[in-house]
Protein backbone atom coordinates (compact mmCIF):
# COMPACT_ATOMS: atom_id res chain seq x y z
CA UNK A 1 21.10 31.15 -31.41
CA UNK A 2 21.38 28.40 -28.80
CA UNK A 3 24.80 26.93 -28.34
CA UNK A 4 24.40 23.20 -28.43
CA UNK A 5 27.45 22.73 -26.17
CA UNK A 6 25.60 24.43 -23.33
CA UNK A 7 22.78 21.91 -23.35
CA UNK A 8 22.88 19.79 -20.23
CA UNK A 9 22.43 16.11 -20.92
CA UNK A 10 19.39 14.54 -19.36
CA UNK A 11 21.53 12.16 -17.31
CA UNK A 12 23.81 14.80 -15.97
CA UNK A 13 21.95 15.61 -12.69
CA UNK A 14 22.21 12.05 -11.48
CA UNK A 15 25.89 11.83 -12.33
CA UNK A 16 26.52 15.05 -10.38
CA UNK A 17 25.11 13.34 -7.28
CA UNK A 18 27.89 10.73 -7.63
CA UNK A 19 30.69 13.11 -8.74
CA UNK A 20 30.13 16.08 -6.40
CA UNK A 21 33.18 16.70 -4.19
CA UNK A 22 34.83 13.70 -5.89
CA UNK A 23 32.93 11.17 -3.75
CA UNK A 24 29.70 9.20 -4.09
CA UNK A 25 26.62 10.40 -2.23
CA UNK A 26 25.57 7.01 -0.84
CA UNK A 27 23.13 6.37 -3.71
CA UNK A 28 22.30 2.71 -4.37
CA UNK A 29 22.31 1.33 -7.86
CA UNK A 30 18.51 1.23 -7.96
CA UNK A 31 18.25 4.87 -6.78
CA UNK A 32 20.74 5.90 -9.45
CA UNK A 33 18.79 4.11 -12.19
CA UNK A 34 15.54 5.60 -11.05
CA UNK A 35 17.05 9.09 -11.02
CA UNK A 36 18.44 8.56 -14.50
CA UNK A 37 15.07 7.52 -15.78
CA UNK A 38 13.43 10.47 -14.06
CA UNK A 39 15.86 12.98 -15.64
CA UNK A 40 15.34 11.31 -19.03
CA UNK A 41 11.55 11.70 -18.76
CA UNK A 42 11.90 15.24 -17.57
CA UNK A 43 14.11 16.18 -20.47
CA UNK A 44 11.81 14.68 -23.18
CA UNK A 45 8.37 14.34 -21.69
CA UNK A 46 8.01 17.73 -19.96
CA UNK A 47 8.25 19.97 -22.99
CA UNK A 48 5.76 17.81 -24.80
CA UNK A 49 3.37 18.00 -21.89
CA UNK A 50 3.79 21.79 -21.64
CA UNK A 51 3.27 22.48 -25.34
CA UNK A 52 0.33 20.06 -25.87
CA UNK A 53 -1.28 21.01 -22.54
CA UNK A 54 -0.96 24.79 -23.12
CA UNK A 55 -2.31 24.62 -26.65
CA UNK A 56 -5.30 22.50 -25.52
CA UNK A 57 -6.09 24.78 -22.59
CA UNK A 58 -5.87 27.98 -24.70
CA UNK A 59 -8.18 26.50 -27.34
CA UNK A 60 -10.57 25.40 -24.59
CA UNK A 61 -10.72 28.87 -23.15
CA UNK A 62 -11.37 30.39 -26.53
CA UNK A 63 -14.17 27.97 -27.20
CA UNK A 64 -15.80 28.59 -23.80
CA UNK A 65 -15.64 32.39 -24.05
CA UNK A 66 -16.28 32.95 -27.79
CA UNK A 67 -19.20 30.61 -28.50
CA UNK A 68 -22.66 30.08 -27.18
CA UNK A 69 -21.11 28.04 -24.40
CA UNK A 70 -20.37 31.31 -22.62
CA UNK A 71 -24.03 31.40 -21.50
CA UNK A 72 -23.42 28.30 -19.33
CA UNK A 73 -22.02 28.75 -15.78
CA UNK A 74 -20.05 25.47 -16.06
CA UNK A 75 -18.06 26.97 -18.94
CA UNK A 76 -16.56 29.56 -16.68
CA UNK A 77 -15.28 26.90 -14.20
CA UNK A 78 -13.71 24.98 -17.05
CA UNK A 79 -12.19 28.11 -18.53
CA UNK A 80 -10.77 29.16 -15.15
CA UNK A 81 -9.37 25.63 -14.76
CA UNK A 82 -7.67 25.82 -18.17
CA UNK A 83 -6.10 29.17 -17.23
CA UNK A 84 -4.75 27.86 -13.88
CA UNK A 85 -3.39 24.70 -15.47
CA UNK A 86 -1.58 26.83 -18.15
CA UNK A 87 0.00 28.97 -15.46
CA UNK A 88 1.28 25.82 -13.74
CA UNK A 89 2.65 24.48 -16.99
CA UNK A 90 4.48 27.73 -17.56
CA UNK A 91 6.25 27.16 -14.22
CA UNK A 92 7.18 23.67 -15.29
CA UNK A 93 8.64 24.99 -18.52
CA UNK A 94 10.79 27.53 -16.63
CA UNK A 95 12.24 24.76 -14.46
CA UNK A 96 12.85 22.64 -17.61
CA UNK A 97 14.98 25.42 -19.12
CA UNK A 98 17.67 24.57 -16.59
CA UNK A 99 18.65 21.70 -18.90
CA UNK A 100 19.80 24.36 -21.36
CA UNK A 101 21.69 26.38 -18.64
CA UNK A 102 18.90 28.99 -18.55
CA UNK A 103 18.70 29.26 -14.80
CA UNK A 104 15.70 31.54 -14.31
CA UNK A 105 14.05 29.48 -11.59
CA UNK A 106 17.16 29.53 -9.42
CA UNK A 107 17.47 33.28 -9.34
CA UNK A 108 16.00 35.90 -7.00
CA UNK A 109 13.16 36.91 -7.06
CA UNK A 110 11.99 34.47 -9.76
CA UNK A 111 12.36 31.54 -7.35
CA UNK A 112 9.76 33.07 -5.02
CA UNK A 113 7.55 34.27 -7.93
CA UNK A 114 7.27 30.95 -9.74
CA UNK A 115 6.95 28.98 -6.46
CA UNK A 116 4.10 31.27 -5.47
CA UNK A 117 2.31 31.10 -8.84
CA UNK A 118 2.71 27.29 -8.86
CA UNK A 119 1.23 27.07 -5.42
CA UNK A 120 -1.72 29.25 -6.41
CA UNK A 121 -2.29 27.33 -9.61
CA UNK A 122 -2.22 23.97 -7.81
CA UNK A 123 -4.67 25.23 -5.23
CA UNK A 124 -7.07 26.75 -7.76
CA UNK A 125 -7.01 23.82 -10.11
CA UNK A 126 -8.24 21.48 -7.32
CA UNK A 127 -10.93 23.85 -6.04
CA UNK A 128 -12.22 24.74 -9.51
CA UNK A 129 -12.84 21.07 -10.11
CA UNK A 130 -14.65 20.87 -6.75
CA UNK A 131 -16.77 23.80 -7.63
CA UNK A 132 -17.59 22.37 -11.06
CA UNK A 133 -18.41 18.96 -9.56
CA UNK A 134 -20.66 20.54 -6.94
CA UNK A 135 -22.59 22.41 -9.67
CA UNK A 136 -23.03 19.12 -11.57
CA UNK A 137 -24.38 17.60 -8.39
CA UNK A 138 -26.96 20.39 -8.13
CA UNK A 139 -27.93 19.96 -11.76
CA UNK A 140 -28.48 16.18 -11.27
CA UNK A 141 -29.99 16.23 -7.83
CA UNK A 142 -32.12 19.42 -8.10
CA UNK A 143 -32.77 19.90 -11.86
CA UNK A 144 -35.67 22.29 -11.29
CA UNK A 145 -33.50 24.70 -9.33
CA UNK A 146 -30.64 24.74 -11.84
CA UNK A 147 -31.80 27.95 -13.49
CA UNK A 148 -31.91 29.87 -10.30
CA UNK A 149 -28.87 28.40 -8.52
CA UNK A 150 -26.33 27.77 -11.31
CA UNK A 151 -26.06 31.19 -12.85
CA UNK A 152 -23.15 32.81 -14.63
CA UNK A 153 -22.99 35.60 -12.11
CA UNK A 154 -22.74 33.10 -9.21
CA UNK A 155 -20.08 31.19 -11.07
CA UNK A 156 -17.99 34.37 -11.48
CA UNK A 157 -18.42 35.21 -7.83
CA UNK A 158 -17.28 31.75 -6.76
CA UNK A 159 -14.26 31.86 -9.06
CA UNK A 160 -13.26 35.30 -7.75
CA UNK A 161 -13.59 34.12 -4.10
CA UNK A 162 -11.58 30.99 -4.77
CA UNK A 163 -8.90 33.00 -6.55
CA UNK A 164 -8.67 35.43 -3.64
CA UNK A 165 -8.47 32.60 -1.08
CA UNK A 166 -5.83 30.75 -3.14
CA UNK A 167 -3.75 33.90 -3.46
CA UNK A 168 -3.74 34.52 0.28
CA UNK A 169 -3.23 30.82 1.04
CA UNK A 170 -0.06 30.62 -1.00
CA UNK A 171 1.57 33.82 0.42
CA UNK A 172 3.90 31.83 2.82
CA UNK A 173 5.56 30.31 -0.22
CA UNK A 174 7.12 33.75 -0.86
CA UNK A 175 8.88 33.64 2.44
CA UNK A 176 9.66 29.92 2.58
CA UNK A 177 11.25 29.66 -0.89
CA UNK A 178 14.70 30.79 -1.69
CA UNK A 179 17.83 30.09 -3.62
CA UNK A 180 20.50 28.03 -1.87
CA UNK A 181 23.48 25.85 -2.60
CA UNK A 182 22.90 22.11 -2.87
CA UNK A 183 25.80 19.82 -2.20
CA UNK A 184 24.11 16.90 -3.91
CA UNK A 185 23.53 18.75 -7.25
CA UNK A 186 26.65 20.85 -6.75
CA UNK A 187 24.74 24.03 -7.80
CA UNK A 188 22.09 26.55 -6.86
CA UNK A 189 18.58 25.30 -6.43
CA UNK A 190 15.25 26.90 -5.48
CA UNK A 191 13.96 25.15 -2.39
CA UNK A 192 12.68 25.78 1.16
CA UNK A 193 15.11 27.99 3.06
CA UNK A 194 17.36 25.96 5.39
CA UNK A 195 16.27 27.87 8.51
CA UNK A 196 12.60 26.89 7.94
CA UNK A 197 13.61 23.28 7.28
CA UNK A 198 15.50 23.02 10.49
CA UNK A 199 12.58 24.62 12.40
CA UNK A 200 10.05 22.21 10.81
CA UNK A 201 12.14 19.21 11.77
CA UNK A 202 12.45 20.53 15.32
CA UNK A 203 8.72 21.08 15.41
CA UNK A 204 8.11 17.49 14.50
CA UNK A 205 10.36 16.41 17.36
CA UNK A 206 8.44 18.68 19.76
CA UNK A 207 5.14 17.18 18.55
CA UNK A 208 6.46 13.66 18.94
CA UNK A 209 7.63 14.38 22.46
CA UNK A 210 4.30 15.96 23.40
CA UNK A 211 2.53 12.92 22.04
CA UNK A 212 4.64 10.58 24.15
CA UNK A 213 4.17 12.70 27.29
CA UNK A 214 0.38 12.59 26.91
CA UNK A 215 0.06 8.89 26.08
CA UNK A 216 3.11 7.13 27.58
CA UNK A 217 4.69 8.66 30.66
CA UNK A 218 6.75 5.48 31.17
CA UNK A 219 9.27 6.65 28.54
CA UNK A 220 10.25 9.79 30.56
CA UNK A 221 13.65 8.23 31.49
CA UNK A 222 14.56 7.91 27.79
CA UNK A 223 12.93 11.08 26.61
CA UNK A 224 13.88 13.59 29.33
CA UNK A 225 17.45 14.23 28.13
CA UNK A 226 16.26 15.08 24.66
CA UNK A 227 13.43 17.29 25.96
CA UNK A 228 15.82 19.06 28.32
CA UNK A 229 18.20 19.82 25.51
CA UNK A 230 15.40 21.11 23.34
CA UNK A 231 14.19 23.40 26.17
CA UNK A 232 17.70 24.75 26.69
CA UNK A 233 18.30 25.47 23.00
CA UNK A 234 15.38 26.84 20.93
CA UNK A 235 15.00 25.28 17.45
CA UNK A 236 16.48 28.24 15.63
CA UNK A 237 19.71 27.91 17.56
CA UNK A 238 20.19 24.21 16.73
CA UNK A 239 22.30 23.09 13.83
CA UNK A 240 20.94 20.76 11.17
CA UNK A 241 23.21 18.02 12.41
CA UNK A 242 21.92 18.34 15.96
CA UNK A 243 18.32 18.34 14.74
CA UNK A 244 19.01 15.18 12.70
CA UNK A 245 20.56 13.43 15.70
CA UNK A 246 17.66 14.26 17.94
CA UNK A 247 15.11 13.30 15.32
CA UNK A 248 16.90 9.94 14.93
CA UNK A 249 16.78 9.45 18.74
CA UNK A 250 13.06 10.24 18.82
CA UNK A 251 12.43 7.73 16.03
CA UNK A 252 14.31 5.12 18.04
CA UNK A 253 12.16 5.84 21.03
CA UNK A 254 9.06 5.33 18.92
CA UNK A 255 10.41 2.03 17.54
CA UNK A 256 11.17 0.81 21.06
CA UNK A 257 7.63 1.66 22.08
CA UNK A 258 6.16 -0.27 19.17
CA UNK A 259 8.45 -3.23 19.78
CA UNK A 260 7.36 -3.38 23.45
CA UNK A 261 3.68 -3.40 22.45
CA UNK A 262 4.24 -6.07 19.82
CA UNK A 263 6.11 -8.23 22.36
CA UNK A 264 3.19 -7.85 24.74
CA UNK A 265 0.71 -8.86 22.13
CA UNK A 266 2.76 -11.89 21.15
CA UNK A 267 2.91 -13.03 24.82
CA UNK A 268 -0.81 -12.63 25.10
CA UNK A 269 -1.46 -14.65 21.93
CA UNK A 270 0.91 -17.43 23.14
CA UNK A 271 -1.19 -17.83 26.27
């Protein structure tokens, strides 16, 4: 039996952001209100969405496979869409269980497993709709070729190929996702591993610098110290604080560049 005292209030996550380490986390009043509303909707709306959506998808799959509709190729796309959407809803339900202190999603290897299945489901749901829409286009645009082109066997082949591509496409999620401690929520969360986050931020800085070198050599005097530091220290050796400082410096360079161009345009317009 579930102990009611273990149920986490829907507003608790937002309060944790203010109470962690005994100090506020620089949240404005508007951000706090929006976070409270989001937690409230997650607590009450998500289970309703999961239950109603799962029941509807299961009934749809049964209708498409157990009636004369199974002779239509479009039924297989819609049935596959229902299955992928149901898998995604299961992942949402697992994350919702954290309100009741059932932390499945924040444990190894469930973090990687549900992140992977959610990524696959998201990918497949989109491309099943694309395949179904393309088949409807063929039916409308080439009605005489519908019988030869839109067959059940071809639909099964396309679904199998999309499923294989989606499964391979989402493999990086297994390596990127991991459990880690969050200072804001004062607990363990399932998110992108910190080493990959730092490398991605460093990669954005490298791309920004390369963009400036190619298009605006006049900023070398400002940019060279940053680039030299990046060349001396590879991204994996930089701390998150150093990456954030360099990212801020790069953004300032971009803003100065834009301000210079706007000032030039204003002078031209004044003439």
